[in-house]
């Protein structure tokens, strides 16, 4: 491949934004395999995911090793690169951002939660101006009332002198419809907030490209 067409040289000359996803993935891979360039291997990786970087990030590391030339070490590097991109997207959307509507919550949490393979339960701690002072991850895994206990949620809220809370979690299925456990957990936390004078303003469930707000749905 002529030097001017190599992904690394193109990135150095023109910037990362000018490169295709395949070229960027080829740079992450570093080298190809016997008889194939890094570009060709990157093309195969992306093709198996239907052209979706999100789908690659959502799959376990072991799935990538099914592609010839992708060992565990390379698969881990790919996942690390995709996670860095996800974190950059949300870095400036957290602390200090004012929350006015459920869509504001979705804009903040959607990019990093909607493609996760497991559920994560977060609490957005708000100040008196409805700004996010802190994003607290309470649990990662299956959501139920035994894992999301009021003491775990409100211990942090009290320490932060929270004016209010917003609960957020994702559904890996992509469907944000509340489950019976979602409703039970929400009822428990709303009741605890009333006792502690730290109101729970909303519980937003993040799906794939959409969300459900308990406040909007009249479920609080």
N, C-alpha and C. Protein backbone atom coordinates (compact mmCIF):
# COMPACT_ATOMS: atom_id res chain seq x y z
N UNK A 1 0.85 -1.19 0.00
CA UNK A 1 0.00 0.00 0.00
C UNK A 1 0.89 1.25 0.00
N UNK A 2 0.65 2.20 -0.93
CA UNK A 2 1.45 3.42 -0.94
C UNK A 2 1.38 4.13 0.41
N UNK A 3 2.48 4.78 0.81
CA UNK A 3 2.55 5.42 2.12
C UNK A 3 1.41 6.39 2.35
N UNK A 4 1.03 7.13 1.32
CA UNK A 4 -0.01 8.15 1.46
C UNK A 4 -1.39 7.55 1.72
N UNK A 5 -1.54 6.23 1.46
CA UNK A 5 -2.84 5.59 1.65
C UNK A 5 -2.90 4.76 2.93
N UNK A 6 -1.79 4.65 3.64
CA UNK A 6 -1.77 3.87 4.86
C UNK A 6 -2.51 4.61 5.97
N UNK A 7 -3.33 3.91 6.74
CA UNK A 7 -4.15 4.58 7.76
C UNK A 7 -3.36 5.44 8.74
N UNK A 8 -2.21 4.94 9.23
CA UNK A 8 -1.45 5.72 10.20
C UNK A 8 -0.96 7.04 9.59
N UNK A 9 -0.45 6.96 8.36
CA UNK A 9 0.05 8.16 7.70
C UNK A 9 -1.10 9.12 7.40
N UNK A 10 -2.23 8.57 6.98
CA UNK A 10 -3.40 9.43 6.69
C UNK A 10 -3.89 10.14 7.95
N UNK A 11 -3.90 9.42 9.07
CA UNK A 11 -4.33 10.05 10.32
C UNK A 11 -3.37 11.18 10.71
N UNK A 12 -2.07 10.93 10.59
CA UNK A 12 -1.08 11.95 10.96
C UNK A 12 -1.20 13.19 10.08
N UNK A 13 -1.52 12.98 8.80
CA UNK A 13 -1.60 14.10 7.85
C UNK A 13 -2.94 14.83 7.91
N UNK A 14 -4.04 14.07 8.05
CA UNK A 14 -5.35 14.66 7.88
C UNK A 14 -6.22 14.67 9.14
N UNK A 15 -5.80 13.94 10.17
CA UNK A 15 -6.61 13.87 11.39
C UNK A 15 -7.51 12.63 11.39
N UNK A 16 -7.86 12.19 12.58
CA UNK A 16 -8.64 10.96 12.73
C UNK A 16 -10.03 11.06 12.10
N UNK A 17 -10.61 12.24 12.10
CA UNK A 17 -11.97 12.40 11.59
C UNK A 17 -12.09 12.08 10.10
N UNK A 18 -10.99 12.13 9.37
CA UNK A 18 -11.02 11.88 7.92
C UNK A 18 -10.96 10.39 7.60
N UNK A 19 -10.69 9.56 8.59
CA UNK A 19 -10.55 8.13 8.35
C UNK A 19 -11.87 7.40 8.53
N UNK A 20 -12.03 6.31 7.80
CA UNK A 20 -13.22 5.47 7.96
C UNK A 20 -13.09 4.63 9.23
N UNK A 21 -14.21 4.02 9.64
CA UNK A 21 -14.17 3.15 10.81
C UNK A 21 -13.23 1.98 10.58
N UNK A 22 -13.19 1.46 9.37
CA UNK A 22 -12.30 0.34 9.06
C UNK A 22 -10.84 0.76 9.20
N UNK A 23 -10.50 1.96 8.71
CA UNK A 23 -9.12 2.43 8.82
C UNK A 23 -8.72 2.64 10.28
N UNK A 24 -9.62 3.20 11.07
CA UNK A 24 -9.33 3.41 12.49
C UNK A 24 -9.16 2.08 13.21
N UNK A 25 -10.01 1.13 12.88
CA UNK A 25 -9.92 -0.20 13.49
C UNK A 25 -8.62 -0.89 13.09
N UNK A 26 -8.19 -0.67 11.86
CA UNK A 26 -6.92 -1.25 11.38
C UNK A 26 -5.74 -0.70 12.18
N UNK A 27 -5.80 0.59 12.52
CA UNK A 27 -4.74 1.19 13.34
C UNK A 27 -4.72 0.55 14.72
N UNK A 28 -5.89 0.32 15.28
CA UNK A 28 -5.98 -0.32 16.60
C UNK A 28 -5.40 -1.74 16.53
N UNK A 29 -5.70 -2.45 15.45
CA UNK A 29 -5.18 -3.82 15.29
C UNK A 29 -3.67 -3.84 15.13
N UNK A 30 -3.14 -2.83 14.44
CA UNK A 30 -1.70 -2.74 14.26
C UNK A 30 -1.18 -3.48 13.06
N UNK A 31 -1.43 -4.76 12.99
CA UNK A 31 -0.95 -5.58 11.87
C UNK A 31 -2.05 -6.54 11.43
N UNK A 32 -1.85 -7.13 10.28
CA UNK A 32 -2.82 -8.09 9.78
C UNK A 32 -2.45 -9.50 10.19
N UNK A 33 -2.74 -10.45 9.31
CA UNK A 33 -2.38 -11.85 9.56
C UNK A 33 -1.82 -12.40 8.26
N UNK A 34 -1.38 -13.61 8.26
CA UNK A 34 -0.76 -14.18 7.07
C UNK A 34 -1.60 -14.01 5.83
N UNK A 35 -1.09 -13.22 4.89
CA UNK A 35 -1.78 -13.05 3.62
C UNK A 35 -2.83 -11.96 3.61
N UNK A 36 -3.11 -11.33 4.76
CA UNK A 36 -4.12 -10.27 4.81
C UNK A 36 -3.56 -9.07 5.57
N UNK A 37 -3.94 -7.89 5.09
CA UNK A 37 -3.51 -6.65 5.75
C UNK A 37 -4.40 -6.36 6.96
N UNK A 38 -3.98 -5.41 7.78
CA UNK A 38 -4.80 -4.97 8.92
C UNK A 38 -6.14 -4.42 8.44
N UNK A 39 -6.15 -3.76 7.28
CA UNK A 39 -7.39 -3.23 6.71
C UNK A 39 -8.37 -4.37 6.42
N UNK A 40 -7.88 -5.46 5.85
CA UNK A 40 -8.75 -6.59 5.52
C UNK A 40 -9.29 -7.27 6.78
N UNK A 41 -8.44 -7.40 7.79
CA UNK A 41 -8.91 -8.00 9.04
C UNK A 41 -9.94 -7.09 9.69
N UNK A 42 -9.68 -5.78 9.69
CA UNK A 42 -10.63 -4.82 10.27
C UNK A 42 -11.97 -4.88 9.54
N UNK A 43 -11.92 -5.03 8.23
CA UNK A 43 -13.15 -5.14 7.43
C UNK A 43 -13.95 -6.36 7.86
N UNK A 44 -13.27 -7.49 8.10
CA UNK A 44 -13.97 -8.71 8.52
C UNK A 44 -14.60 -8.54 9.89
N UNK A 45 -13.85 -7.91 10.81
CA UNK A 45 -14.38 -7.68 12.16
C UNK A 45 -15.66 -6.85 12.10
N UNK A 46 -15.61 -5.77 11.32
CA UNK A 46 -16.77 -4.87 11.24
C UNK A 46 -17.93 -5.53 10.51
N UNK A 47 -17.62 -6.31 9.47
CA UNK A 47 -18.67 -6.99 8.71
C UNK A 47 -19.43 -7.97 9.58
N UNK A 48 -18.72 -8.69 10.46
CA UNK A 48 -19.38 -9.65 11.34
C UNK A 48 -20.33 -8.97 12.32
N UNK A 49 -20.07 -7.69 12.59
CA UNK A 49 -20.94 -6.94 13.50
C UNK A 49 -21.96 -6.11 12.73
N UNK A 50 -22.16 -6.41 11.46
CA UNK A 50 -23.13 -5.68 10.66
C UNK A 50 -22.76 -4.23 10.46
N UNK A 51 -21.45 -3.93 10.52
CA UNK A 51 -20.99 -2.56 10.33
C UNK A 51 -21.16 -1.68 11.55
N UNK A 52 -21.52 -2.28 12.69
CA UNK A 52 -21.83 -1.49 13.88
C UNK A 52 -20.74 -1.58 14.94
N UNK A 53 -20.12 -0.45 15.26
CA UNK A 53 -19.14 -0.41 16.35
C UNK A 53 -19.83 -0.66 17.68
N UNK A 54 -21.06 -0.18 17.80
CA UNK A 54 -21.82 -0.40 19.04
C UNK A 54 -22.00 -1.90 19.30
N UNK A 55 -22.26 -2.64 18.23
CA UNK A 55 -22.47 -4.07 18.40
C UNK A 55 -21.19 -4.78 18.83
N UNK A 56 -20.06 -4.32 18.29
CA UNK A 56 -18.77 -4.88 18.72
C UNK A 56 -18.57 -4.63 20.21
N UNK A 57 -18.85 -3.41 20.66
CA UNK A 57 -18.65 -3.05 22.07
C UNK A 57 -19.57 -3.84 22.98
N UNK A 58 -20.75 -4.20 22.48
CA UNK A 58 -21.73 -4.90 23.31
C UNK A 58 -21.43 -6.39 23.43
N UNK A 59 -20.64 -6.94 22.50
CA UNK A 59 -20.34 -8.37 22.53
C UNK A 59 -19.21 -8.65 23.51
N UNK A 60 -19.17 -9.84 24.10
CA UNK A 60 -18.05 -10.19 24.98
C UNK A 60 -16.75 -10.28 24.20
N UNK A 61 -15.64 -10.10 24.89
CA UNK A 61 -14.33 -10.14 24.26
C UNK A 61 -14.12 -11.42 23.47
N UNK A 62 -14.60 -12.54 24.01
CA UNK A 62 -14.38 -13.84 23.37
C UNK A 62 -14.96 -13.91 21.97
N UNK A 63 -16.03 -13.13 21.70
CA UNK A 63 -16.65 -13.19 20.38
C UNK A 63 -15.69 -12.71 19.29
N UNK A 64 -14.85 -11.74 19.61
CA UNK A 64 -13.93 -11.20 18.61
C UNK A 64 -12.85 -12.22 18.23
N UNK A 65 -12.54 -13.10 19.15
CA UNK A 65 -11.48 -14.07 18.87
C UNK A 65 -11.89 -15.12 17.85
N UNK A 66 -13.17 -15.09 17.46
CA UNK A 66 -13.62 -16.00 16.39
C UNK A 66 -13.09 -15.57 15.03
N UNK A 67 -12.67 -14.31 14.93
CA UNK A 67 -12.10 -13.80 13.68
C UNK A 67 -10.64 -14.22 13.60
N UNK A 68 -10.25 -14.81 12.51
CA UNK A 68 -8.86 -15.23 12.34
C UNK A 68 -7.90 -14.07 12.50
N UNK A 69 -6.85 -14.27 13.28
CA UNK A 69 -5.87 -13.21 13.49
C UNK A 69 -6.18 -12.34 14.68
N UNK A 70 -7.36 -12.50 15.30
CA UNK A 70 -7.72 -11.73 16.49
C UNK A 70 -7.61 -12.64 17.71
N UNK A 71 -6.54 -12.47 18.44
CA UNK A 71 -6.38 -13.20 19.70
C UNK A 71 -6.98 -12.40 20.84
N UNK A 72 -6.86 -12.94 22.03
CA UNK A 72 -7.44 -12.27 23.20
C UNK A 72 -6.84 -10.87 23.41
N UNK A 73 -5.54 -10.76 23.23
CA UNK A 73 -4.89 -9.46 23.46
C UNK A 73 -5.44 -8.39 22.51
N UNK A 74 -5.57 -8.72 21.24
CA UNK A 74 -6.11 -7.76 20.28
C UNK A 74 -7.58 -7.44 20.57
N UNK A 75 -8.34 -8.46 20.93
CA UNK A 75 -9.75 -8.25 21.25
C UNK A 75 -9.90 -7.29 22.43
N UNK A 76 -9.05 -7.44 23.42
CA UNK A 76 -9.10 -6.56 24.59
C UNK A 76 -8.76 -5.12 24.18
N UNK A 77 -7.77 -4.96 23.31
CA UNK A 77 -7.38 -3.62 22.84
C UNK A 77 -8.55 -2.95 22.11
N UNK A 78 -9.25 -3.71 21.26
CA UNK A 78 -10.41 -3.16 20.54
C UNK A 78 -11.47 -2.69 21.52
N UNK A 79 -11.79 -3.51 22.51
CA UNK A 79 -12.79 -3.12 23.50
C UNK A 79 -12.36 -1.90 24.29
N UNK A 80 -11.07 -1.83 24.63
CA UNK A 80 -10.57 -0.67 25.37
C UNK A 80 -10.72 0.61 24.54
N UNK A 81 -10.41 0.53 23.24
CA UNK A 81 -10.52 1.70 22.37
C UNK A 81 -11.97 2.17 22.26
N UNK A 82 -12.89 1.22 22.12
CA UNK A 82 -14.31 1.58 22.01
C UNK A 82 -14.83 2.18 23.32
N UNK A 83 -14.37 1.66 24.45
CA UNK A 83 -14.79 2.19 25.74
C UNK A 83 -14.25 3.61 25.95
N UNK A 84 -13.04 3.89 25.51
CA UNK A 84 -12.50 5.25 25.59
C UNK A 84 -13.38 6.22 24.80
N UNK A 85 -13.80 5.79 23.60
CA UNK A 85 -14.68 6.63 22.80
C UNK A 85 -16.00 6.89 23.49
N UNK A 86 -16.56 5.85 24.13
CA UNK A 86 -17.83 6.01 24.84
C UNK A 86 -17.68 6.99 26.01
N UNK A 87 -16.58 6.85 26.74
CA UNK A 87 -16.38 7.72 27.89
C UNK A 87 -16.14 9.17 27.48
N UNK A 88 -15.46 9.37 26.36
CA UNK A 88 -15.26 10.74 25.89
C UNK A 88 -16.59 11.40 25.55
N UNK A 89 -17.51 10.61 24.98
CA UNK A 89 -18.81 11.16 24.60
C UNK A 89 -19.58 11.72 25.80
N UNK A 90 -19.42 11.09 26.95
CA UNK A 90 -20.21 11.49 28.11
C UNK A 90 -19.43 12.33 29.10
N UNK A 91 -18.14 12.50 28.87
CA UNK A 91 -17.28 13.18 29.85
C UNK A 91 -17.79 14.57 30.21
N UNK A 92 -18.23 15.32 29.22
CA UNK A 92 -18.67 16.69 29.46
C UNK A 92 -20.16 16.80 29.70
N UNK A 93 -20.85 15.67 29.88
CA UNK A 93 -22.31 15.71 30.03
C UNK A 93 -22.74 15.31 31.44
N UNK A 94 -21.79 15.30 32.36
CA UNK A 94 -22.12 14.79 33.68
C UNK A 94 -22.20 15.92 34.70
N UNK A 95 -21.21 15.97 35.60
CA UNK A 95 -21.28 16.92 36.70
C UNK A 95 -21.46 18.35 36.21
N UNK A 96 -22.34 19.06 36.85
CA UNK A 96 -22.57 20.46 36.54
C UNK A 96 -23.64 20.70 35.49
N UNK A 97 -24.16 19.66 34.88
CA UNK A 97 -25.18 19.80 33.84
C UNK A 97 -26.56 19.88 34.49
N UNK A 98 -27.36 20.84 34.06
CA UNK A 98 -28.71 21.00 34.61
C UNK A 98 -29.65 19.99 33.95
N UNK A 99 -30.47 19.35 34.77
CA UNK A 99 -31.45 18.38 34.29
C UNK A 99 -32.83 18.99 34.38
N UNK A 100 -33.47 19.19 33.25
CA UNK A 100 -34.80 19.80 33.23
C UNK A 100 -35.90 18.83 32.81
N UNK A 101 -35.54 17.87 31.98
CA UNK A 101 -36.54 16.93 31.44
C UNK A 101 -35.95 15.53 31.42
N UNK A 102 -36.80 14.50 31.31
CA UNK A 102 -36.28 13.13 31.16
C UNK A 102 -35.37 12.97 29.94
N UNK A 103 -35.63 13.73 28.89
CA UNK A 103 -34.76 13.63 27.72
C UNK A 103 -33.35 14.10 28.03
N UNK A 104 -33.21 15.09 28.94
CA UNK A 104 -31.88 15.51 29.37
C UNK A 104 -31.15 14.35 30.04
N UNK A 105 -31.89 13.57 30.83
CA UNK A 105 -31.30 12.40 31.49
C UNK A 105 -30.85 11.39 30.44
N UNK A 106 -31.71 11.15 29.46
CA UNK A 106 -31.37 10.19 28.42
C UNK A 106 -30.15 10.63 27.61
N UNK A 107 -30.08 11.94 27.31
CA UNK A 107 -28.91 12.44 26.56
C UNK A 107 -27.62 12.23 27.34
N UNK A 108 -27.71 12.33 28.66
CA UNK A 108 -26.51 12.18 29.48
C UNK A 108 -26.09 10.73 29.63
N UNK A 109 -27.06 9.85 29.87
CA UNK A 109 -26.73 8.46 30.20
C UNK A 109 -26.85 7.50 29.02
N UNK A 110 -27.66 7.85 28.03
CA UNK A 110 -27.91 6.93 26.92
C UNK A 110 -26.66 6.44 26.21
N UNK A 111 -25.73 7.34 25.83
CA UNK A 111 -24.57 6.89 25.05
C UNK A 111 -23.75 5.80 25.72
N UNK A 112 -23.68 5.77 27.03
CA UNK A 112 -22.84 4.75 27.67
C UNK A 112 -23.63 3.58 28.23
N UNK A 113 -24.96 3.70 28.35
CA UNK A 113 -25.74 2.62 28.94
C UNK A 113 -26.51 1.78 27.94
N UNK A 114 -26.91 2.37 26.80
CA UNK A 114 -27.87 1.68 25.94
C UNK A 114 -27.32 0.42 25.28
N UNK A 115 -25.99 0.28 25.18
CA UNK A 115 -25.43 -0.90 24.53
C UNK A 115 -24.72 -1.84 25.49
N UNK A 116 -24.84 -1.60 26.78
CA UNK A 116 -24.18 -2.48 27.74
C UNK A 116 -24.84 -3.86 27.75
N UNK A 117 -24.05 -4.92 27.93
CA UNK A 117 -24.63 -6.28 27.94
C UNK A 117 -25.29 -6.65 29.27
N UNK A 118 -25.08 -5.85 30.31
CA UNK A 118 -25.70 -6.09 31.62
C UNK A 118 -26.32 -4.80 32.12
N UNK A 119 -27.20 -4.93 33.12
CA UNK A 119 -27.83 -3.75 33.70
C UNK A 119 -26.88 -3.03 34.65
N UNK A 120 -26.90 -1.70 34.58
CA UNK A 120 -26.22 -0.86 35.55
C UNK A 120 -27.23 0.08 36.16
N UNK A 121 -27.16 0.26 37.46
CA UNK A 121 -28.08 1.16 38.17
C UNK A 121 -27.28 2.35 38.66
N UNK A 122 -27.69 3.55 38.22
CA UNK A 122 -27.00 4.79 38.57
C UNK A 122 -27.93 5.72 39.34
N UNK A 123 -27.33 6.57 40.14
CA UNK A 123 -28.07 7.65 40.81
C UNK A 123 -27.41 8.97 40.45
N UNK A 124 -28.19 9.87 39.86
CA UNK A 124 -27.73 11.22 39.59
C UNK A 124 -28.08 12.09 40.79
N UNK A 125 -27.07 12.61 41.47
CA UNK A 125 -27.27 13.47 42.64
C UNK A 125 -27.41 14.91 42.16
N UNK A 126 -28.54 15.54 42.50
CA UNK A 126 -28.82 16.90 42.03
C UNK A 126 -28.65 17.91 43.16
N UNK A 127 -28.23 19.14 42.77
CA UNK A 127 -28.21 20.23 43.74
C UNK A 127 -29.52 21.00 43.65
N UNK A 128 -29.62 22.11 44.35
CA UNK A 128 -30.87 22.87 44.40
C UNK A 128 -31.25 23.47 43.05
N UNK A 129 -30.28 23.62 42.15
CA UNK A 129 -30.54 24.15 40.80
C UNK A 129 -30.73 23.04 39.77
N UNK A 130 -30.93 21.83 40.25
CA UNK A 130 -31.15 20.66 39.38
C UNK A 130 -29.92 20.33 38.54
N UNK A 131 -28.75 20.72 39.01
CA UNK A 131 -27.52 20.35 38.32
C UNK A 131 -26.99 19.04 38.89
N UNK A 132 -26.38 18.23 38.01
CA UNK A 132 -25.83 16.95 38.45
C UNK A 132 -24.51 17.20 39.18
N UNK A 133 -24.52 16.93 40.47
CA UNK A 133 -23.29 17.07 41.25
C UNK A 133 -22.41 15.83 41.15
N UNK A 134 -23.07 14.69 41.02
CA UNK A 134 -22.30 13.44 40.96
C UNK A 134 -23.14 12.33 40.36
N UNK A 135 -22.49 11.46 39.63
CA UNK A 135 -23.13 10.26 39.08
C UNK A 135 -22.57 9.07 39.84
N UNK A 136 -23.43 8.35 40.55
CA UNK A 136 -22.99 7.23 41.39
C UNK A 136 -23.49 5.92 40.79
N UNK A 137 -22.58 4.99 40.54
CA UNK A 137 -22.97 3.65 40.10
C UNK A 137 -23.24 2.80 41.34
N UNK A 138 -24.47 2.36 41.48
CA UNK A 138 -24.85 1.59 42.67
C UNK A 138 -24.59 0.11 42.48
N UNK A 139 -24.97 -0.43 41.34
CA UNK A 139 -24.76 -1.86 41.10
C UNK A 139 -24.67 -2.14 39.61
N UNK A 140 -24.06 -3.27 39.31
CA UNK A 140 -23.95 -3.73 37.92
C UNK A 140 -24.36 -5.19 37.90
N UNK A 141 -25.36 -5.52 37.14
CA UNK A 141 -25.87 -6.87 37.10
C UNK A 141 -27.38 -6.86 37.03
N UNK A 142 -28.03 -7.88 37.51
CA UNK A 142 -29.49 -7.97 37.47
C UNK A 142 -30.08 -7.03 38.51
N UNK A 143 -31.06 -6.23 38.10
CA UNK A 143 -31.70 -5.29 39.01
C UNK A 143 -32.78 -5.99 39.82
N UNK A 144 -32.65 -5.94 41.14
CA UNK A 144 -33.74 -6.36 42.02
C UNK A 144 -33.62 -5.64 43.35
N UNK A 145 -34.63 -5.80 44.19
CA UNK A 145 -34.70 -5.01 45.41
C UNK A 145 -33.60 -5.36 46.40
N UNK A 146 -33.04 -6.56 46.30
CA UNK A 146 -31.98 -6.94 47.24
C UNK A 146 -30.65 -6.29 46.87
N UNK A 147 -30.43 -6.03 45.57
CA UNK A 147 -29.19 -5.41 45.13
C UNK A 147 -29.22 -3.89 45.26
N UNK A 148 -30.37 -3.29 44.95
CA UNK A 148 -30.50 -1.84 45.04
C UNK A 148 -31.24 -1.52 46.33
N UNK A 149 -30.50 -1.41 47.41
CA UNK A 149 -31.11 -1.18 48.72
C UNK A 149 -31.08 0.32 49.03
N UNK A 150 -32.14 0.85 49.65
CA UNK A 150 -32.16 2.29 49.97
C UNK A 150 -30.92 2.78 50.71
N UNK A 151 -30.35 1.96 51.59
CA UNK A 151 -29.19 2.45 52.35
C UNK A 151 -28.00 2.71 51.43
N UNK A 152 -27.85 1.89 50.37
CA UNK A 152 -26.74 2.09 49.44
C UNK A 152 -26.94 3.36 48.62
N UNK A 153 -28.17 3.62 48.27
CA UNK A 153 -28.48 4.80 47.46
C UNK A 153 -28.38 6.07 48.28
N UNK A 154 -29.00 6.08 49.45
CA UNK A 154 -29.11 7.32 50.20
C UNK A 154 -27.89 7.62 51.08
N UNK A 155 -27.06 6.63 51.33
CA UNK A 155 -25.82 6.90 52.05
C UNK A 155 -24.97 7.91 51.28
N UNK A 156 -24.85 7.69 49.97
CA UNK A 156 -24.09 8.62 49.14
C UNK A 156 -24.81 9.96 49.00
N UNK A 157 -26.13 9.89 48.87
CA UNK A 157 -26.90 11.13 48.70
C UNK A 157 -26.79 12.03 49.92
N UNK A 158 -26.84 11.44 51.09
CA UNK A 158 -26.72 12.22 52.32
C UNK A 158 -25.33 12.83 52.43
N UNK A 159 -24.31 12.04 52.09
CA UNK A 159 -22.94 12.53 52.15
C UNK A 159 -22.72 13.71 51.19
N UNK A 160 -23.42 13.69 50.07
CA UNK A 160 -23.28 14.75 49.07
C UNK A 160 -24.24 15.93 49.33
N UNK A 161 -25.02 15.84 50.39
CA UNK A 161 -26.03 16.87 50.69
C UNK A 161 -26.95 17.09 49.49
N UNK A 162 -27.44 16.01 48.95
CA UNK A 162 -28.26 16.08 47.74
C UNK A 162 -29.58 16.79 48.00
N UNK A 163 -29.99 17.60 47.02
CA UNK A 163 -31.31 18.23 47.09
C UNK A 163 -32.37 17.29 46.53
N UNK A 164 -31.97 16.42 45.60
CA UNK A 164 -32.90 15.46 44.98
C UNK A 164 -32.08 14.43 44.23
N UNK A 165 -32.76 13.36 43.81
CA UNK A 165 -32.10 12.29 43.08
C UNK A 165 -32.89 11.95 41.82
N UNK A 166 -32.19 11.44 40.83
CA UNK A 166 -32.82 10.81 39.67
C UNK A 166 -32.19 9.43 39.52
N UNK A 167 -33.02 8.42 39.43
CA UNK A 167 -32.56 7.04 39.26
C UNK A 167 -32.47 6.73 37.77
N UNK A 168 -31.43 6.01 37.39
CA UNK A 168 -31.24 5.66 35.98
C UNK A 168 -30.70 4.24 35.89
N UNK A 169 -31.29 3.43 35.03
CA UNK A 169 -30.66 2.16 34.71
C UNK A 169 -31.04 1.76 33.29
N UNK A 170 -30.36 0.76 32.77
CA UNK A 170 -30.56 0.33 31.38
C UNK A 170 -31.17 -1.05 31.31
N UNK A 171 -31.79 -1.35 30.19
CA UNK A 171 -32.26 -2.70 29.87
C UNK A 171 -31.45 -3.21 28.68
N UNK A 172 -30.59 -4.20 28.88
CA UNK A 172 -29.78 -4.72 27.76
C UNK A 172 -30.61 -5.24 26.59
N UNK A 173 -31.86 -5.61 26.83
CA UNK A 173 -32.73 -6.07 25.74
C UNK A 173 -33.05 -4.97 24.75
N UNK A 174 -32.87 -3.72 25.18
CA UNK A 174 -33.20 -2.58 24.33
C UNK A 174 -34.60 -2.06 24.54
N UNK A 175 -35.44 -2.82 25.25
CA UNK A 175 -36.83 -2.42 25.53
C UNK A 175 -36.88 -1.77 26.92
N UNK A 176 -37.21 -0.47 27.00
CA UNK A 176 -37.19 0.21 28.30
C UNK A 176 -38.47 0.07 29.12
N UNK A 177 -39.35 -0.85 28.75
CA UNK A 177 -40.59 -1.05 29.51
C UNK A 177 -40.26 -1.49 30.94
N UNK A 178 -40.82 -0.82 31.97
CA UNK A 178 -40.51 -1.19 33.36
C UNK A 178 -40.97 -2.61 33.69
N UNK A 179 -40.12 -3.34 34.38
CA UNK A 179 -40.46 -4.68 34.85
C UNK A 179 -41.06 -4.58 36.26
N UNK A 180 -41.66 -5.65 36.77
CA UNK A 180 -42.15 -5.62 38.15
C UNK A 180 -41.06 -5.26 39.16
N UNK A 181 -39.84 -5.77 38.96
CA UNK A 181 -38.74 -5.41 39.86
C UNK A 181 -38.39 -3.93 39.77
N UNK A 182 -38.44 -3.39 38.54
CA UNK A 182 -38.19 -1.95 38.37
C UNK A 182 -39.18 -1.14 39.20
N UNK A 183 -40.44 -1.52 39.14
CA UNK A 183 -41.48 -0.80 39.87
C UNK A 183 -41.29 -0.93 41.38
N UNK A 184 -40.94 -2.15 41.83
CA UNK A 184 -40.76 -2.37 43.26
C UNK A 184 -39.59 -1.54 43.81
N UNK A 185 -38.46 -1.59 43.08
CA UNK A 185 -37.28 -0.82 43.50
C UNK A 185 -37.61 0.67 43.56
N UNK A 186 -38.31 1.15 42.56
CA UNK A 186 -38.66 2.57 42.51
C UNK A 186 -39.55 2.96 43.68
N UNK A 187 -40.55 2.16 43.97
CA UNK A 187 -41.44 2.45 45.10
C UNK A 187 -40.67 2.52 46.42
N UNK A 188 -39.75 1.58 46.62
CA UNK A 188 -38.95 1.57 47.84
C UNK A 188 -38.09 2.82 47.97
N UNK A 189 -37.47 3.21 46.87
CA UNK A 189 -36.57 4.36 46.92
C UNK A 189 -37.33 5.68 47.04
N UNK A 190 -38.47 5.78 46.39
CA UNK A 190 -39.30 6.98 46.53
C UNK A 190 -39.76 7.13 47.98
N UNK A 191 -40.20 6.02 48.59
CA UNK A 191 -40.66 6.05 49.98
C UNK A 191 -39.52 6.45 50.92
N UNK A 192 -38.32 5.90 50.69
CA UNK A 192 -37.16 6.24 51.52
C UNK A 192 -36.80 7.71 51.36
N UNK A 193 -36.89 8.22 50.13
CA UNK A 193 -36.59 9.63 49.89
C UNK A 193 -37.55 10.55 50.61
N UNK A 194 -38.81 10.16 50.69
CA UNK A 194 -39.79 10.97 51.41
C UNK A 194 -39.46 11.04 52.90
N UNK A 195 -39.02 9.93 53.47
CA UNK A 195 -38.65 9.90 54.88
C UNK A 195 -37.42 10.76 55.16
N UNK A 196 -36.48 10.76 54.22
CA UNK A 196 -35.21 11.47 54.42
C UNK A 196 -35.24 12.89 53.87
N UNK A 197 -36.37 13.28 53.29
CA UNK A 197 -36.51 14.61 52.68
C UNK A 197 -35.50 14.82 51.54
N UNK A 198 -35.24 13.74 50.79
CA UNK A 198 -34.44 13.81 49.57
C UNK A 198 -35.30 13.21 48.46
N UNK A 199 -36.08 14.01 47.79
CA UNK A 199 -37.04 13.46 46.82
C UNK A 199 -36.39 12.78 45.62
N UNK A 200 -37.04 11.73 45.17
CA UNK A 200 -36.65 11.07 43.92
C UNK A 200 -37.52 11.67 42.82
N UNK A 201 -36.91 12.46 41.95
CA UNK A 201 -37.67 13.17 40.92
C UNK A 201 -38.10 12.26 39.77
N UNK A 202 -37.31 11.23 39.48
CA UNK A 202 -37.65 10.40 38.33
C UNK A 202 -36.82 9.12 38.37
N UNK A 203 -37.28 8.14 37.64
CA UNK A 203 -36.51 6.93 37.35
C UNK A 203 -36.58 6.76 35.84
N UNK A 204 -35.45 6.86 35.17
CA UNK A 204 -35.39 6.76 33.72
C UNK A 204 -34.73 5.44 33.34
N UNK A 205 -35.46 4.64 32.55
CA UNK A 205 -34.92 3.38 32.06
C UNK A 205 -34.44 3.61 30.62
N UNK A 206 -33.19 3.31 30.38
CA UNK A 206 -32.58 3.52 29.07
C UNK A 206 -32.68 2.25 28.25
N UNK A 207 -33.28 2.38 27.06
CA UNK A 207 -33.32 1.28 26.10
C UNK A 207 -32.42 1.62 24.93
N UNK A 208 -32.55 0.91 23.85
CA UNK A 208 -31.73 1.18 22.68
C UNK A 208 -32.43 2.21 21.80
N UNK A 209 -31.93 3.45 21.88
CA UNK A 209 -32.50 4.54 21.09
C UNK A 209 -33.76 5.13 21.68
N UNK A 210 -34.17 4.71 22.88
CA UNK A 210 -35.37 5.25 23.51
C UNK A 210 -35.29 5.04 25.01
N UNK A 211 -36.28 5.60 25.70
CA UNK A 211 -36.26 5.52 27.16
C UNK A 211 -37.68 5.53 27.69
N UNK A 212 -37.82 5.17 28.97
CA UNK A 212 -39.08 5.32 29.69
C UNK A 212 -38.82 6.12 30.94
N UNK A 213 -39.63 7.15 31.16
CA UNK A 213 -39.54 7.98 32.36
C UNK A 213 -40.72 7.64 33.26
N UNK A 214 -40.45 7.24 34.52
CA UNK A 214 -41.53 6.97 35.48
C UNK A 214 -42.34 8.24 35.71
N UNK A 215 -41.69 9.39 35.75
CA UNK A 215 -42.40 10.65 35.99
C UNK A 215 -43.36 10.95 34.84
N UNK A 216 -42.88 10.83 33.60
CA UNK A 216 -43.72 11.09 32.43
C UNK A 216 -44.88 10.10 32.35
N UNK A 217 -44.61 8.87 32.75
CA UNK A 217 -45.64 7.82 32.65
C UNK A 217 -46.59 7.81 33.84
N UNK A 218 -46.38 8.69 34.80
CA UNK A 218 -47.24 8.76 35.99
C UNK A 218 -47.07 7.58 36.92
N UNK A 219 -45.84 7.02 36.98
CA UNK A 219 -45.60 5.83 37.79
C UNK A 219 -44.92 6.13 39.12
N UNK A 220 -44.57 7.38 39.37
CA UNK A 220 -43.93 7.72 40.64
C UNK A 220 -44.99 7.91 41.74
